[in-house]
């Protein structure tokens, strides 16, 4: 998933804190293992002159998938308010079951 949303006011629209609530509807009801790989940080930064944003990976509890849905929050690698502004998340689901 990619969030290109920024915080603040842009072109007359208030984007607030830039966080996006996300619920993912999955083609399976549970997973044996879940991991996430993220790029997060100030969305205005680049890695052109120095490495400011790096890929972070972590294993998640399989319980983040429940009944075929997953909410992006603190338990699933996001934040309390969802996906941070200007972030990229790649989830890997293993041993999925219907």
PDB file of N, CA and C in Angstrom:
ATOM      1  N   UNK A   1       0.834  -1.152   0.000  1.00  0.00           N
ATOM      2  CA  UNK A   1       0.000   0.000   0.000  1.00  0.00           C
ATOM      3  C   UNK A   1       0.887   1.226   0.000  1.00  0.00           C
ATOM      4  N   UNK A   2       0.416   2.282  -0.652  1.00  0.00           N
ATOM      5  CA  UNK A   2       1.156   3.532  -0.716  1.00  0.00           C
ATOM      6  C   UNK A   2       0.244   4.662  -0.269  1.00  0.00           C
ATOM      7  N   UNK A   3       0.723   5.471   0.651  1.00  0.00           N
ATOM      8  CA  UNK A   3       0.013   6.683   1.044  1.00  0.00           C
ATOM      9  C   UNK A   3       0.809   7.878   0.540  1.00  0.00           C
ATOM     10  N   UNK A   4       0.227   8.630  -0.368  1.00  0.00           N
ATOM     11  CA  UNK A   4       0.875   9.833  -0.874  1.00  0.00           C
ATOM     12  C   UNK A   4       0.340  11.071  -0.167  1.00  0.00           C
ATOM     13  N   UNK A   5      -0.493  10.849   0.824  1.00  0.00           N
ATOM     14  CA  UNK A   5      -1.116  11.938   1.567  1.00  0.00           C
ATOM     15  C   UNK A   5      -0.077  12.665   2.422  1.00  0.00           C
ATOM     16  N   UNK A   6      -0.167  13.979   2.473  1.00  0.00           N
ATOM     17  CA  UNK A   6       0.689  14.801   3.315  1.00  0.00           C
ATOM     18  C   UNK A   6      -0.140  15.430   4.419  1.00  0.00           C
ATOM     19  N   UNK A   7       0.526  15.897   5.432  1.00  0.00           N
ATOM     20  CA  UNK A   7      -0.170  16.629   6.481  1.00  0.00           C
ATOM     21  C   UNK A   7      -0.267  18.109   6.101  1.00  0.00           C
ATOM     22  N   UNK A   8      -1.143  18.840   6.777  1.00  0.00           N
ATOM     23  CA  UNK A   8      -1.256  20.278   6.568  1.00  0.00           C
ATOM     24  C   UNK A   8      -2.256  20.652   5.488  1.00  0.00           C
ATOM     25  N   UNK A   9      -2.189  21.907   5.050  1.00  0.00           N
ATOM     26  CA  UNK A   9      -3.094  22.450   4.039  1.00  0.00           C
ATOM     27  C   UNK A   9      -2.412  22.478   2.682  1.00  0.00           C
ATOM     28  N   UNK A  10      -3.124  21.990   1.664  1.00  0.00           N
ATOM     29  CA  UNK A  10      -2.597  21.969   0.308  1.00  0.00           C
ATOM     30  C   UNK A  10      -3.720  22.292  -0.659  1.00  0.00           C
ATOM     31  N   UNK A  11      -3.512  23.282  -1.497  1.00  0.00           N
ATOM     32  CA  UNK A  11      -4.495  23.683  -2.509  1.00  0.00           C
ATOM     33  C   UNK A  11      -5.872  23.902  -1.903  1.00  0.00           C
ATOM     34  N   UNK A  12      -5.913  24.509  -0.721  1.00  0.00           N
ATOM     35  CA  UNK A  12      -7.182  24.840  -0.090  1.00  0.00           C
ATOM     36  C   UNK A  12      -7.855  23.696   0.637  1.00  0.00           C
ATOM     37  N   UNK A  13      -7.207  22.549   0.732  1.00  0.00           N
ATOM     38  CA  UNK A  13      -7.772  21.399   1.434  1.00  0.00           C
ATOM     39  C   UNK A  13      -6.945  21.102   2.670  1.00  0.00           C
ATOM     40  N   UNK A  14      -7.622  20.893   3.800  1.00  0.00           N
ATOM     41  CA  UNK A  14      -6.940  20.558   5.039  1.00  0.00           C
ATOM     42  C   UNK A  14      -6.824  19.042   5.154  1.00  0.00           C
ATOM     43  N   UNK A  15      -5.607  18.532   5.124  1.00  0.00           N
ATOM     44  CA  UNK A  15      -5.358  17.096   5.233  1.00  0.00           C
ATOM     45  C   UNK A  15      -5.081  16.669   6.668  1.00  0.00           C
ATOM     46  N   UNK A  16      -5.234  17.590   7.613  1.00  0.00           N
ATOM     47  CA  UNK A  16      -5.052  17.250   9.018  1.00  0.00           C
ATOM     48  C   UNK A  16      -3.654  16.739   9.286  1.00  0.00           C
ATOM     49  N   UNK A  17      -3.579  15.634  10.031  1.00  0.00           N
ATOM     50  CA  UNK A  17      -2.266  15.082  10.398  1.00  0.00           C
ATOM     51  C   UNK A  17      -1.674  14.196   9.302  1.00  0.00           C
ATOM     52  N   UNK A  18      -2.421  13.956   8.216  1.00  0.00           N
ATOM     53  CA  UNK A  18      -1.912  13.178   7.091  1.00  0.00           C
ATOM     54  C   UNK A  18      -2.060  11.674   7.231  1.00  0.00           C
ATOM     55  N   UNK A  19      -2.527  11.208   8.375  1.00  0.00           N
ATOM     56  CA  UNK A  19      -2.697   9.771   8.575  1.00  0.00           C
ATOM     57  C   UNK A  19      -3.959   9.290   7.864  1.00  0.00           C
ATOM     58  N   UNK A  20      -3.924   8.068   7.356  1.00  0.00           N
ATOM     59  CA  UNK A  20      -5.056   7.485   6.640  1.00  0.00           C
ATOM     60  C   UNK A  20      -5.534   6.224   7.334  1.00  0.00           C
ATOM     61  N   UNK A  21      -6.795   6.198   7.785  1.00  0.00           N
ATOM     62  CA  UNK A  21      -7.333   4.950   8.320  1.00  0.00           C
ATOM     63  C   UNK A  21      -7.491   3.945   7.177  1.00  0.00           C
ATOM     64  N   UNK A  22      -7.068   2.697   7.407  1.00  0.00           N
ATOM     65  CA  UNK A  22      -7.114   1.682   6.353  1.00  0.00           C
ATOM     66  C   UNK A  22      -7.647   0.377   6.926  1.00  0.00           C
ATOM     67  N   UNK A  23      -8.630  -0.204   6.240  1.00  0.00           N
ATOM     68  CA  UNK A  23      -9.095  -1.558   6.514  1.00  0.00           C
ATOM     69  C   UNK A  23      -8.913  -2.360   5.232  1.00  0.00           C
ATOM     70  N   UNK A  24      -8.205  -3.482   5.329  1.00  0.00           N
ATOM     71  CA  UNK A  24      -7.944  -4.327   4.168  1.00  0.00           C
ATOM     72  C   UNK A  24      -8.883  -5.530   4.223  1.00  0.00           C
ATOM     73  N   UNK A  25      -9.609  -5.760   3.129  1.00  0.00           N
ATOM     74  CA  UNK A  25     -10.476  -6.935   3.010  1.00  0.00           C
ATOM     75  C   UNK A  25      -9.705  -7.989   2.231  1.00  0.00           C
ATOM     76  N   UNK A  26      -9.408  -9.099   2.892  1.00  0.00           N
ATOM     77  CA  UNK A  26      -8.524 -10.132   2.351  1.00  0.00           C
ATOM     78  C   UNK A  26      -9.311 -11.309   1.772  1.00  0.00           C
ATOM     79  N   UNK A  27      -8.722 -12.043   0.829  1.00  0.00           N
ATOM     80  CA  UNK A  27      -9.398 -13.209   0.243  1.00  0.00           C
ATOM     81  C   UNK A  27      -9.233 -14.470   1.089  1.00  0.00           C
ATOM     82  N   UNK A  28      -8.899 -14.329   2.358  1.00  0.00           N
ATOM     83  CA  UNK A  28      -8.770 -15.455   3.286  1.00  0.00           C
ATOM     84  C   UNK A  28      -9.181 -14.958   4.669  1.00  0.00           C
ATOM     85  N   UNK A  29      -9.479 -15.883   5.575  1.00  0.00           N
ATOM     86  CA  UNK A  29      -9.981 -15.490   6.896  1.00  0.00           C
ATOM     87  C   UNK A  29      -8.907 -15.426   7.973  1.00  0.00           C
ATOM     88  N   UNK A  30      -7.801 -16.157   7.787  1.00  0.00           N
ATOM     89  CA  UNK A  30      -6.727 -16.132   8.788  1.00  0.00           C
ATOM     90  C   UNK A  30      -5.395 -16.445   8.120  1.00  0.00           C
ATOM     91  N   UNK A  31      -4.313 -16.135   8.849  1.00  0.00           N
ATOM     92  CA  UNK A  31      -2.965 -16.416   8.348  1.00  0.00           C
ATOM     93  C   UNK A  31      -2.139 -16.992   9.486  1.00  0.00           C
ATOM     94  N   UNK A  32      -1.230 -17.903   9.153  1.00  0.00           N
ATOM     95  CA  UNK A  32      -0.353 -18.488  10.154  1.00  0.00           C
ATOM     96  C   UNK A  32       0.784 -17.556  10.538  1.00  0.00           C
ATOM     97  N   UNK A  33       1.202 -16.711   9.575  1.00  0.00           N
ATOM     98  CA  UNK A  33       2.305 -15.786   9.829  1.00  0.00           C
ATOM     99  C   UNK A  33       2.072 -14.524   9.000  1.00  0.00           C
ATOM    100  N   UNK A  34       2.349 -13.364   9.618  1.00  0.00           N
ATOM    101  CA  UNK A  34       2.194 -12.080   8.931  1.00  0.00           C
ATOM    102  C   UNK A  34       3.437 -11.245   9.210  1.00  0.00           C
ATOM    103  N   UNK A  35       3.962 -10.617   8.176  1.00  0.00           N
ATOM    104  CA  UNK A  35       5.070  -9.677   8.357  1.00  0.00           C
ATOM    105  C   UNK A  35       4.801  -8.429   7.523  1.00  0.00           C
ATOM    106  N   UNK A  36       5.480  -7.344   7.883  1.00  0.00           N
ATOM    107  CA  UNK A  36       5.313  -6.095   7.153  1.00  0.00           C
ATOM    108  C   UNK A  36       6.684  -5.480   6.907  1.00  0.00           C
ATOM    109  N   UNK A  37       6.821  -4.870   5.738  1.00  0.00           N
ATOM    110  CA  UNK A  37       8.038  -4.163   5.342  1.00  0.00           C
ATOM    111  C   UNK A  37       7.599  -2.731   5.030  1.00  0.00           C
ATOM    112  N   UNK A  38       8.210  -1.744   5.682  1.00  0.00           N
ATOM    113  CA  UNK A  38       7.732  -0.371   5.563  1.00  0.00           C
ATOM    114  C   UNK A  38       8.844   0.613   5.218  1.00  0.00           C
ATOM    115  N   UNK A  39       8.437   1.673   4.548  1.00  0.00           N
ATOM    116  CA  UNK A  39       9.233   2.875   4.381  1.00  0.00           C
ATOM    117  C   UNK A  39       8.399   3.994   4.984  1.00  0.00           C
ATOM    118  N   UNK A  40       8.862   4.560   6.080  1.00  0.00           N
ATOM    119  CA  UNK A  40       8.145   5.657   6.721  1.00  0.00           C
ATOM    120  C   UNK A  40       9.146   6.713   7.166  1.00  0.00           C
ATOM    121  N   UNK A  41       8.663   7.891   7.370  1.00  0.00           N
ATOM    122  CA  UNK A  41       9.483   9.019   7.791  1.00  0.00           C
ATOM    123  C   UNK A  41       8.850  10.287   7.282  1.00  0.00           C
ATOM    124  N   UNK A  42       9.536  11.379   7.385  1.00  0.00           N
ATOM    125  CA  UNK A  42       9.011  12.634   6.862  1.00  0.00           C
ATOM    126  C   UNK A  42       8.841  12.485   5.352  1.00  0.00           C
ATOM    127  N   UNK A  43       7.613  12.632   4.835  1.00  0.00           N
ATOM    128  CA  UNK A  43       7.398  12.420   3.400  1.00  0.00           C
ATOM    129  C   UNK A  43       8.096  13.454   2.512  1.00  0.00           C
ATOM    130  N   UNK A  44       8.666  14.465   3.105  1.00  0.00           N
ATOM    131  CA  UNK A  44       9.380  15.482   2.339  1.00  0.00           C
ATOM    132  C   UNK A  44      10.881  15.155   2.230  1.00  0.00           C
ATOM    133  N   UNK A  45      11.336  14.124   2.919  1.00  0.00           N
ATOM    134  CA  UNK A  45      12.739  13.708   2.859  1.00  0.00           C
ATOM    135  C   UNK A  45      13.010  12.902   1.599  1.00  0.00           C
ATOM    136  N   UNK A  46      14.266  12.886   1.212  1.00  0.00           N
ATOM    137  CA  UNK A  46      14.729  12.012   0.133  1.00  0.00           C
ATOM    138  C   UNK A  46      15.989  11.294   0.610  1.00  0.00           C
ATOM    139  N   UNK A  47      16.406  10.316  -0.135  1.00  0.00           N
ATOM    140  CA  UNK A  47      17.662   9.622   0.139  1.00  0.00           C
ATOM    141  C   UNK A  47      18.741  10.027  -0.865  1.00  0.00           C
ATOM    142  N   UNK A  48      18.540  11.158  -1.522  1.00  0.00           N
ATOM    143  CA  UNK A  48      19.460  11.571  -2.581  1.00  0.00           C
ATOM    144  C   UNK A  48      20.850  11.884  -2.034  1.00  0.00           C
ATOM    145  N   UNK A  49      20.938  12.695  -0.991  1.00  0.00           N
ATOM    146  CA  UNK A  49      22.240  13.104  -0.464  1.00  0.00           C
ATOM    147  C   UNK A  49      22.697  12.246   0.715  1.00  0.00           C
ATOM    148  N   UNK A  50      21.765  11.714   1.460  1.00  0.00           N
ATOM    149  CA  UNK A  50      22.088  10.825   2.575  1.00  0.00           C
ATOM    150  C   UNK A  50      20.897   9.917   2.845  1.00  0.00           C
ATOM    151  N   UNK A  51      21.169   8.772   3.460  1.00  0.00           N
ATOM    152  CA  UNK A  51      20.134   7.790   3.763  1.00  0.00           C
ATOM    153  C   UNK A  51      19.308   8.270   4.964  1.00  0.00           C
ATOM    154  N   UNK A  52      18.094   8.756   4.694  1.00  0.00           N
ATOM    155  CA  UNK A  52      17.214   9.221   5.767  1.00  0.00           C
ATOM    156  C   UNK A  52      16.054   8.260   6.008  1.00  0.00           C
ATOM    157  N   UNK A  53      15.652   7.557   4.954  1.00  0.00           N
ATOM    158  CA  UNK A  53      14.531   6.626   5.055  1.00  0.00           C
ATOM    159  C   UNK A  53      15.023   5.256   4.628  1.00  0.00           C
ATOM    160  N   UNK A  54      14.808   4.260   5.491  1.00  0.00           N
ATOM    161  CA  UNK A  54      15.297   2.916   5.223  1.00  0.00           C
ATOM    162  C   UNK A  54      14.159   1.918   5.411  1.00  0.00           C
ATOM    163  N   UNK A  55      14.246   0.802   4.751  1.00  0.00           N
ATOM    164  CA  UNK A  55      13.227  -0.240   4.892  1.00  0.00           C
ATOM    165  C   UNK A  55      13.307  -0.840   6.293  1.00  0.00           C
ATOM    166  N   UNK A  56      12.163  -0.925   6.949  1.00  0.00           N
ATOM    167  CA  UNK A  56      12.048  -1.573   8.256  1.00  0.00           C
ATOM    168  C   UNK A  56      11.154  -2.800   8.078  1.00  0.00           C
ATOM    169  N   UNK A  57      11.534  -3.907   8.668  1.00  0.00           N
ATOM    170  CA  UNK A  57      10.753  -5.141   8.565  1.00  0.00           C
ATOM    171  C   UNK A  57      10.482  -5.682   9.954  1.00  0.00           C
ATOM    172  N   UNK A  58       9.281  -6.244  10.131  1.00  0.00           N
ATOM    173  CA  UNK A  58       8.999  -6.904  11.401  1.00  0.00           C
ATOM    174  C   UNK A  58       7.895  -7.928  11.244  1.00  0.00           C
ATOM    175  N   UNK A  59       7.977  -8.948  12.092  1.00  0.00           N
ATOM    176  CA  UNK A  59       6.937  -9.962  12.156  1.00  0.00           C
ATOM    177  C   UNK A  59       5.802  -9.427  13.016  1.00  0.00           C
ATOM    178  N   UNK A  60       4.590  -9.784  12.634  1.00  0.00           N
ATOM    179  CA  UNK A  60       3.396  -9.333  13.350  1.00  0.00           C
ATOM    180  C   UNK A  60       2.671 -10.538  13.938  1.00  0.00           C
ATOM    181  N   UNK A  61       1.855 -10.321  14.959  1.00  0.00           N
ATOM    182  CA  UNK A  61       1.044 -11.439  15.454  1.00  0.00           C
ATOM    183  C   UNK A  61       0.022 -11.842  14.385  1.00  0.00           C
ATOM    184  N   UNK A  62      -0.169 -13.134  14.211  1.00  0.00           N
ATOM    185  CA  UNK A  62      -1.128 -13.618  13.202  1.00  0.00           C
ATOM    186  C   UNK A  62      -2.546 -13.130  13.487  1.00  0.00           C
ATOM    187  N   UNK A  63      -2.795 -12.720  14.705  1.00  0.00           N
ATOM    188  CA  UNK A  63      -4.141 -12.243  15.079  1.00  0.00           C
ATOM    189  C   UNK A  63      -4.493 -10.896  14.458  1.00  0.00           C
ATOM    190  N   UNK A  64      -3.559 -10.241  13.753  1.00  0.00           N
ATOM    191  CA  UNK A  64      -3.917  -8.985  13.078  1.00  0.00           C
ATOM    192  C   UNK A  64      -4.913  -9.248  11.956  1.00  0.00           C
ATOM    193  N   UNK A  65      -4.959 -10.495  11.465  1.00  0.00           N
ATOM    194  CA  UNK A  65      -5.963 -10.893  10.478  1.00  0.00           C
ATOM    195  C   UNK A  65      -7.096 -11.561  11.241  1.00  0.00           C
ATOM    196  N   UNK A  66      -8.288 -11.025  11.072  1.00  0.00           N
ATOM    197  CA  UNK A  66      -9.444 -11.577  11.782  1.00  0.00           C
ATOM    198  C   UNK A  66     -10.670 -11.554  10.882  1.00  0.00           C
ATOM    199  N   UNK A  67     -11.191 -12.725  10.601  1.00  0.00           N
ATOM    200  CA  UNK A  67     -12.411 -12.807   9.798  1.00  0.00           C
ATOM    201  C   UNK A  67     -12.283 -12.246   8.401  1.00  0.00           C
ATOM    202  N   UNK A  68     -11.087 -12.285   7.840  1.00  0.00           N
ATOM    203  CA  UNK A  68     -10.891 -11.814   6.469  1.00  0.00           C
ATOM    204  C   UNK A  68     -10.587 -10.335   6.355  1.00  0.00           C
ATOM    205  N   UNK A  69     -10.360  -9.646   7.468  1.00  0.00           N
ATOM    206  CA  UNK A  69      -9.989  -8.236   7.408  1.00  0.00           C
ATOM    207  C   UNK A  69      -8.763  -7.969   8.280  1.00  0.00           C
ATOM    208  N   UNK A  70      -8.100  -6.888   7.959  1.00  0.00           N
ATOM    209  CA  UNK A  70      -6.988  -6.410   8.773  1.00  0.00           C
ATOM    210  C   UNK A  70      -7.053  -4.894   8.789  1.00  0.00           C
ATOM    211  N   UNK A  71      -6.970  -4.328   9.963  1.00  0.00           N
ATOM    212  CA  UNK A  71      -6.970  -2.883  10.127  1.00  0.00           C
ATOM    213  C   UNK A  71      -5.531  -2.435  10.340  1.00  0.00           C
ATOM    214  N   UNK A  72      -5.113  -1.417   9.613  1.00  0.00           N
ATOM    215  CA  UNK A  72      -3.770  -0.880   9.807  1.00  0.00           C
ATOM    216  C   UNK A  72      -3.798  -0.020  11.063  1.00  0.00           C
ATOM    217  N   UNK A  73      -3.091  -0.498  12.087  1.00  0.00           N
ATOM    218  CA  UNK A  73      -3.008   0.195  13.374  1.00  0.00           C
ATOM    219  C   UNK A  73      -1.676  -0.159  14.020  1.00  0.00           C
ATOM    220  N   UNK A  74      -1.531   0.122  15.303  1.00  0.00           N
ATOM    221  CA  UNK A  74      -0.265  -0.139  15.987  1.00  0.00           C
ATOM    222  C   UNK A  74       0.110  -1.620  15.973  1.00  0.00           C
ATOM    223  N   UNK A  75      -0.878  -2.512  16.074  1.00  0.00           N
ATOM    224  CA  UNK A  75      -0.598  -3.951  16.088  1.00  0.00           C
ATOM    225  C   UNK A  75      -0.158  -4.466  14.718  1.00  0.00           C
ATOM    226  N   UNK A  76      -0.596  -3.818  13.654  1.00  0.00           N
ATOM    227  CA  UNK A  76      -0.277  -4.296  12.306  1.00  0.00           C
ATOM    228  C   UNK A  76       0.815  -3.474  11.620  1.00  0.00           C
ATOM    229  N   UNK A  77       1.594  -2.744  12.407  1.00  0.00           N
ATOM    230  CA  UNK A  77       2.741  -2.035  11.855  1.00  0.00           C
ATOM    231  C   UNK A  77       2.510  -0.581  11.525  1.00  0.00           C
ATOM    232  N   UNK A  78       1.273  -0.100  11.685  1.00  0.00           N
ATOM    233  CA  UNK A  78       0.978   1.305  11.432  1.00  0.00           C
ATOM    234  C   UNK A  78       1.016   2.105  12.715  1.00  0.00           C
ATOM    235  N   UNK A  79       0.092   3.038  12.836  1.00  0.00           N
ATOM    236  CA  UNK A  79      -0.009   3.839  14.051  1.00  0.00           C
ATOM    237  C   UNK A  79      -1.444   3.797  14.544  1.00  0.00           C
ATOM    238  N   UNK A  80      -1.681   4.449  15.632  1.00  0.00           N
ATOM    239  CA  UNK A  80      -3.028   4.516  16.197  1.00  0.00           C
ATOM    240  C   UNK A  80      -4.032   5.036  15.171  1.00  0.00           C
ATOM    241  N   UNK A  81      -3.589   5.940  14.306  1.00  0.00           N
ATOM    242  CA  UNK A  81      -4.486   6.565  13.327  1.00  0.00           C
ATOM    243  C   UNK A  81      -4.404   5.959  11.936  1.00  0.00           C
ATOM    244  N   UNK A  82      -3.677   4.863  11.761  1.00  0.00           N
ATOM    245  CA  UNK A  82      -3.590   4.195  10.465  1.00  0.00           C
ATOM    246  C   UNK A  82      -2.229   4.308   9.829  1.00  0.00           C
ATOM    247  N   UNK A  83      -2.223   4.567   8.519  1.00  0.00           N
ATOM    248  CA  UNK A  83      -0.977   4.692   7.759  1.00  0.00           C
ATOM    249  C   UNK A  83      -0.425   6.097   7.897  1.00  0.00           C
ATOM    250  N   UNK A  84       0.860   6.229   8.216  1.00  0.00           N
ATOM    251  CA  UNK A  84       1.464   7.554   8.302  1.00  0.00           C
ATOM    252  C   UNK A  84       1.523   8.236   6.932  1.00  0.00           C
ATOM    253  N   UNK A  85       1.610   9.551   6.915  1.00  0.00           N
ATOM    254  CA  UNK A  85       1.708  10.272   5.640  1.00  0.00           C
ATOM    255  C   UNK A  85       2.946   9.847   4.848  1.00  0.00           C
ATOM    256  N   UNK A  86       2.795   9.738   3.543  1.00  0.00           N
ATOM    257  CA  UNK A  86       3.904   9.440   2.655  1.00  0.00           C
ATOM    258  C   UNK A  86       4.611   8.130   2.920  1.00  0.00           C
ATOM    259  N   UNK A  87       3.878   7.109   3.329  1.00  0.00           N
ATOM    260  CA  UNK A  87       4.505   5.830   3.682  1.00  0.00           C
ATOM    261  C   UNK A  87       4.169   4.734   2.673  1.00  0.00           C
ATOM    262  N   UNK A  88       4.971   3.677   2.730  1.00  0.00           N
ATOM    263  CA  UNK A  88       4.758   2.493   1.895  1.00  0.00           C
ATOM    264  C   UNK A  88       4.785   1.280   2.807  1.00  0.00           C
ATOM    265  N   UNK A  89       3.768   0.419   2.698  1.00  0.00           N
ATOM    266  CA  UNK A  89       3.678  -0.821   3.482  1.00  0.00           C
ATOM    267  C   UNK A  89       3.525  -1.994   2.523  1.00  0.00           C
ATOM    268  N   UNK A  90       4.311  -3.037   2.730  1.00  0.00           N
ATOM    269  CA  UNK A  90       4.167  -4.289   1.985  1.00  0.00           C
ATOM    270  C   UNK A  90       3.965  -5.402   3.009  1.00  0.00           C
ATOM    271  N   UNK A  91       2.782  -5.999   2.992  1.00  0.00           N
ATOM    272  CA  UNK A  91       2.458  -7.097   3.908  1.00  0.00           C
ATOM    273  C   UNK A  91       2.698  -8.428   3.225  1.00  0.00           C
ATOM    274  N   UNK A  92       3.191  -9.403   4.002  1.00  0.00           N
ATOM    275  CA  UNK A  92       3.365 -10.763   3.524  1.00  0.00           C
ATOM    276  C   UNK A  92       2.553 -11.677   4.439  1.00  0.00           C
ATOM    277  N   UNK A  93       1.624 -12.422   3.837  1.00  0.00           N
ATOM    278  CA  UNK A  93       0.761 -13.344   4.580  1.00  0.00           C
ATOM    279  C   UNK A  93       1.152 -14.765   4.179  1.00  0.00           C
ATOM    280  N   UNK A  94       1.439 -15.605   5.184  1.00  0.00           N
ATOM    281  CA  UNK A  94       1.828 -16.989   4.917  1.00  0.00           C
ATOM    282  C   UNK A  94       0.850 -17.937   5.591  1.00  0.00           C
ATOM    283  N   UNK A  95       0.728 -19.131   5.010  1.00  0.00           N
ATOM    284  CA  UNK A  95      -0.163 -20.174   5.536  1.00  0.00           C
ATOM    285  C   UNK A  95      -1.573 -19.648   5.769  1.00  0.00           C
ATOM    286  N   UNK A  96      -2.131 -19.069   4.726  1.00  0.00           N
ATOM    287  CA  UNK A  96      -3.476 -18.512   4.827  1.00  0.00           C
ATOM    288  C   UNK A  96      -4.516 -19.618   4.784  1.00  0.00           C
ATOM    289  N   UNK A  97      -5.653 -19.339   5.420  1.00  0.00           N
ATOM    290  CA  UNK A  97      -6.761 -20.307   5.472  1.00  0.00           C
ATOM    291  C   UNK A  97      -8.093 -19.597   5.273  1.00  0.00           C
ATOM    292  N   UNK A  98      -9.031 -20.322   4.663  1.00  0.00           N
ATOM    293  CA  UNK A  98     -10.388 -19.807   4.496  1.00  0.00           C
ATOM    294  C   UNK A  98     -11.297 -20.317   5.577  1.00  0.00           C
TER     295      UNK A  98
END
